[in-house]
Amino acid sequence: MRILSIIFILALLSPALQAQKISRTLENHNSKTADLVLFGTGMDTPLKLGSIDAKGNLSADLSDIQMSAITDEIKDMYFTELRNVFRFGCGGPDDFGKQGNIPALRGGNIALWDGNEWTGSIFLVSDTELKPWLEDEGYNPAIKATFWDIVYAGEDVKLNLNCNNEIGLESGNVEVSYTYSLDLKKGFNWLEYTIEEVYNTNPEETASFPSKVKISNLSNPERMKWMANYFF
């Protein structure tokens, strides 16, 4: 019975462990080896989460990120509160309650780091047509699709709430809604942003933007398309 219980527990934990580690092959790789890093704590202290070889085979594991080199001074400079690390924010500072005060850090785009040089950036999308919006949301329209981000949470936290916000345009304010359904563990977590509706704008004023978004844990790593922009 004890063996069966252990197997059952491991089966429950397996999806969470697998979600931390992801392996892929970049189709457009430029034949250079590089580390995969985050610049959430600045370029002087890149946070390594994996690597990529000359053939474009990459491996990323959030559980491998070492925080030991992050001093209290760096934390004071870059860490913020949980309510501030999401790509889309609620309308009021108290919408997250006390949980919004938890120390947190947004990792940002995954960068390619080779010989202390930033050689490129990676965008994680379910549809390649969403990538231009992530590069410049002011000029490129959003589409219904999913993209991913990485955040660090200072402690375990669950968020289940709906909130509204407003985006001001010349023609008036547009109401947007965001649904948070998150079970974050202390440490680094994958965030999944699903754009469910898009508000169509006058493109001469600004590009069409997400008006209804669901923010959740990573559900299926196989949906991720890893797309790189190389600087040289």
Protein backbone atom coordinates (compact mmCIF):
# COMPACT_ATOMS: atom_id res chain seq x y z
CA MET A 1 0.00 0.00 0.00
CA ARG A 2 2.87 2.38 0.81
CA ILE A 3 4.41 1.86 -2.65
CA LEU A 4 1.07 2.52 -4.32
CA SER A 5 0.67 5.73 -2.29
CA ILE A 6 4.12 6.95 -3.34
CA ILE A 7 3.36 6.21 -7.00
CA PHE A 8 0.06 8.08 -6.71
CA ILE A 9 1.76 11.12 -5.16
CA LEU A 10 4.45 11.14 -7.84
CA ALA A 11 1.76 10.95 -10.51
CA LEU A 12 0.12 14.05 -9.07
CA LEU A 13 3.41 15.92 -8.90
CA SER A 14 4.63 14.86 -12.34
CA PRO A 15 2.73 17.50 -14.41
CA ALA A 16 4.05 20.29 -12.18
CA LEU A 17 7.62 19.02 -12.46
CA GLN A 18 7.37 18.56 -16.21
CA ALA A 19 5.95 22.06 -16.60
CA GLN A 20 9.11 23.51 -15.03
CA LYS A 21 11.44 21.86 -17.57
CA ILE A 22 10.89 22.34 -21.31
CA SER A 23 12.91 21.09 -24.28
CA ARG A 24 12.57 22.43 -27.82
CA THR A 25 14.37 22.85 -31.15
CA LEU A 26 14.49 26.30 -32.74
CA GLU A 27 13.91 26.01 -36.50
CA ASN A 28 15.54 29.35 -37.33
CA HIS A 29 18.58 28.99 -35.06
CA ASN A 30 21.76 30.79 -36.18
CA SER A 31 24.10 27.92 -35.24
CA LYS A 32 25.50 29.54 -32.09
CA THR A 33 25.59 28.09 -28.60
CA ALA A 34 24.22 30.34 -25.88
CA ASP A 35 22.79 30.40 -22.39
CA LEU A 36 19.11 31.14 -21.88
CA VAL A 37 18.80 33.89 -19.28
CA LEU A 38 16.40 36.37 -17.73
CA PHE A 39 17.27 40.02 -17.16
CA GLY A 40 14.71 40.50 -14.40
CA THR A 41 17.53 41.54 -12.04
CA GLY A 42 19.53 43.48 -14.63
CA MET A 43 22.13 42.59 -17.23
CA ASP A 44 24.90 42.49 -14.63
CA THR A 45 23.23 39.54 -12.90
CA PRO A 46 21.54 37.45 -15.62
CA LEU A 47 19.52 34.52 -14.28
CA LYS A 48 20.33 31.35 -16.20
CA LEU A 49 17.46 28.93 -16.84
CA GLY A 50 18.94 26.80 -19.60
CA SER A 51 21.04 26.66 -22.76
CA ILE A 52 20.86 26.11 -26.51
CA ASP A 53 23.36 24.21 -28.67
CA ALA A 54 24.62 24.89 -32.20
CA LYS A 55 21.83 22.76 -33.70
CA GLY A 56 19.10 24.76 -31.97
CA ASN A 57 18.28 22.19 -29.28
CA LEU A 58 17.35 24.03 -26.11
CA SER A 59 16.43 23.09 -22.58
CA ALA A 60 14.89 25.45 -20.03
CA ASP A 61 14.22 24.58 -16.40
CA LEU A 62 12.86 27.21 -14.00
CA SER A 63 13.88 25.09 -11.01
CA ASP A 64 17.55 25.51 -12.05
CA ILE A 65 17.55 29.29 -11.66
CA GLN A 66 19.97 30.19 -8.87
CA MET A 67 19.02 33.09 -6.62
CA SER A 68 22.09 32.84 -4.38
CA ALA A 69 23.91 35.60 -6.29
CA ILE A 70 21.01 38.01 -5.83
CA THR A 71 21.96 40.31 -2.97
CA ASP A 72 19.56 42.27 -0.80
CA GLU A 73 20.66 45.41 -2.65
CA ILE A 74 19.65 43.89 -5.99
CA LYS A 75 16.34 42.72 -4.55
CA ASP A 76 15.60 46.21 -3.26
CA MET A 77 16.30 47.56 -6.75
CA TYR A 78 14.36 45.09 -8.89
CA PHE A 79 11.80 43.26 -6.77
CA THR A 80 8.31 44.68 -6.56
CA GLU A 81 4.89 43.54 -5.32
CA LEU A 82 2.95 40.72 -6.92
CA ARG A 83 0.20 43.06 -8.19
CA ASN A 84 2.79 44.79 -10.40
CA VAL A 85 4.38 41.84 -12.22
CA PHE A 86 1.48 40.87 -14.49
CA ARG A 87 1.30 41.98 -18.11
CA PHE A 88 -2.28 43.15 -17.46
CA GLY A 89 -3.23 44.93 -14.25
CA CYS A 90 -6.45 45.34 -12.35
CA GLY A 91 -8.06 48.73 -12.03
CA GLY A 92 -7.53 49.20 -8.28
CA PRO A 93 -4.44 48.69 -6.10
CA ASP A 94 -6.45 46.66 -3.57
CA ASP A 95 -8.03 44.22 -6.05
CA PHE A 96 -5.58 41.47 -5.08
CA GLY A 97 -6.03 42.05 -1.35
CA LYS A 98 -3.08 41.32 0.95
CA GLN A 99 -1.76 38.79 -1.56
CA GLY A 100 -0.90 41.65 -3.86
CA ASN A 101 1.81 42.71 -1.39
CA ILE A 102 3.85 39.51 -1.78
CA PRO A 103 7.40 40.22 -3.04
CA ALA A 104 7.69 39.30 -6.71
CA LEU A 105 9.77 39.73 -9.83
CA ARG A 106 8.91 39.66 -13.51
CA GLY A 107 11.45 37.73 -15.53
CA GLY A 108 10.67 39.32 -18.89
CA ASN A 109 11.63 37.85 -22.27
CA ILE A 110 14.08 34.98 -22.36
CA ALA A 111 17.40 36.29 -23.70
CA LEU A 112 20.23 34.55 -25.54
CA TRP A 113 23.49 35.23 -23.69
CA ASP A 114 26.82 34.36 -25.33
CA GLY A 115 30.21 35.47 -23.98
CA ASN A 116 28.64 38.20 -21.83
CA GLU A 117 26.79 39.55 -24.88
CA TRP A 118 23.04 39.75 -25.42
CA THR A 119 22.72 38.11 -28.83
CA GLY A 120 18.94 37.71 -29.15
CA SER A 121 15.53 37.36 -27.52
CA ILE A 122 12.92 34.61 -27.53
CA PHE A 123 9.16 35.10 -27.76
CA LEU A 124 6.78 32.36 -26.58
CA VAL A 125 3.48 32.28 -28.48
CA SER A 126 0.82 29.80 -29.55
CA ASP A 127 0.38 31.57 -32.90
CA THR A 128 3.26 33.16 -34.81
CA GLU A 129 0.99 36.08 -35.81
CA LEU A 130 0.94 37.26 -32.17
CA LYS A 131 4.71 37.85 -32.07
CA PRO A 132 4.61 41.31 -33.78
CA TRP A 133 2.19 42.56 -31.09
CA LEU A 134 4.59 41.44 -28.35
CA GLU A 135 7.40 43.29 -30.12
CA ASP A 136 5.45 46.55 -30.45
CA GLU A 137 1.87 46.63 -29.21
CA GLY A 138 1.41 50.27 -30.16
CA TYR A 139 1.70 49.60 -33.89
CA ASN A 140 0.91 45.89 -34.30
CA PRO A 141 -2.59 44.51 -33.57
CA ALA A 142 -3.23 41.74 -31.08
CA ILE A 143 -5.01 38.52 -32.06
CA LYS A 144 -6.81 35.80 -30.14
CA ALA A 145 -3.93 33.59 -29.06
CA THR A 146 -1.76 32.69 -26.07
CA PHE A 147 1.65 33.85 -24.92
CA TRP A 148 3.80 33.01 -21.91
CA ASP A 149 5.86 34.87 -19.34
CA ILE A 150 7.89 34.04 -16.22
CA VAL A 151 7.46 35.53 -12.74
CA TYR A 152 9.03 34.92 -9.35
CA ALA A 153 6.75 34.78 -6.30
CA GLY A 154 8.16 35.25 -2.80
CA GLU A 155 5.77 32.67 -1.37
CA ASP A 156 3.03 30.24 -2.39
CA VAL A 157 -0.11 32.06 -3.44
CA LYS A 158 -3.42 31.32 -5.14
CA LEU A 159 -5.31 33.98 -7.08
CA ASN A 160 -8.86 33.52 -8.28
CA LEU A 161 -10.54 36.75 -9.25
CA ASN A 162 -12.05 38.79 -12.06
CA CYS A 163 -11.23 42.46 -12.41
CA ASN A 164 -11.94 45.32 -14.79
CA ASN A 165 -9.84 48.19 -16.02
CA GLU A 166 -10.14 50.98 -18.59
CA ILE A 167 -7.98 51.98 -21.53
CA GLY A 168 -8.36 55.55 -22.68
CA LEU A 169 -8.73 56.36 -26.37
CA GLU A 170 -9.52 59.59 -28.19
CA SER A 171 -13.03 58.26 -28.79
CA GLY A 172 -13.53 57.40 -25.09
CA ASN A 173 -12.64 54.78 -22.50
CA VAL A 174 -12.73 51.07 -23.34
CA GLU A 175 -13.49 48.60 -20.55
CA VAL A 176 -11.26 45.53 -20.42
CA SER A 177 -11.55 42.47 -18.19
CA TYR A 178 -8.95 40.11 -16.80
CA THR A 179 -9.47 36.75 -15.09
CA TYR A 180 -6.76 35.42 -12.80
CA SER A 181 -6.73 31.69 -12.06
CA LEU A 182 -3.28 31.06 -10.62
CA ASP A 183 -1.61 28.66 -8.22
CA LEU A 184 1.90 30.09 -7.87
CA LYS A 185 4.62 28.34 -5.91
CA LYS A 186 7.48 30.11 -4.16
CA GLY A 187 10.10 30.59 -6.82
CA PHE A 188 9.85 30.99 -10.58
CA ASN A 189 6.60 30.14 -12.38
CA TRP A 190 5.39 30.03 -15.97
CA LEU A 191 2.42 32.33 -16.64
CA GLU A 192 -0.02 31.67 -19.47
CA TYR A 193 -1.89 34.63 -20.97
CA THR A 194 -4.84 33.67 -23.15
CA ILE A 195 -6.27 36.54 -25.21
CA GLU A 196 -9.96 35.70 -25.53
CA GLU A 197 -11.23 38.94 -27.09
CA VAL A 198 -9.63 41.82 -29.00
CA TYR A 199 -10.92 45.40 -29.19
CA ASN A 200 -10.64 46.68 -32.77
CA THR A 201 -9.37 50.25 -32.88
CA ASN A 202 -8.68 52.94 -35.42
CA PRO A 203 -5.14 51.90 -36.44
CA GLU A 204 -4.17 55.54 -36.98
CA GLU A 205 -4.61 56.06 -33.23
CA THR A 206 -3.29 52.79 -31.82
CA ALA A 207 -3.26 49.10 -32.66
CA SER A 208 -6.08 46.76 -31.64
CA PHE A 209 -5.49 45.41 -28.12
CA PRO A 210 -6.65 42.55 -25.87
CA SER A 211 -9.94 43.36 -24.12
CA LYS A 212 -10.54 40.03 -22.37
CA VAL A 213 -7.63 37.96 -21.04
CA LYS A 214 -7.27 34.90 -18.84
CA ILE A 215 -4.10 34.59 -16.76
CA SER A 216 -3.35 31.05 -15.57
CA ASN A 217 -0.61 28.50 -14.99
CA LEU A 218 1.10 26.83 -17.91
CA SER A 219 -1.30 24.13 -19.10
CA ASN A 220 0.36 22.49 -22.11
CA PRO A 221 4.03 23.19 -22.95
CA GLU A 222 3.56 21.58 -26.37
CA ARG A 223 1.50 24.59 -27.48
CA MET A 224 4.51 26.88 -27.06
CA LYS A 225 6.18 28.13 -30.21
CA TRP A 226 9.66 29.43 -29.37
CA MET A 227 10.58 32.24 -31.79
CA ALA A 228 13.92 34.02 -31.70
CA ASN A 229 15.04 37.47 -32.82
CA TYR A 230 18.82 37.56 -33.35
CA PHE A 231 20.79 40.77 -33.02
CA PHE A 232 23.84 39.37 -34.86
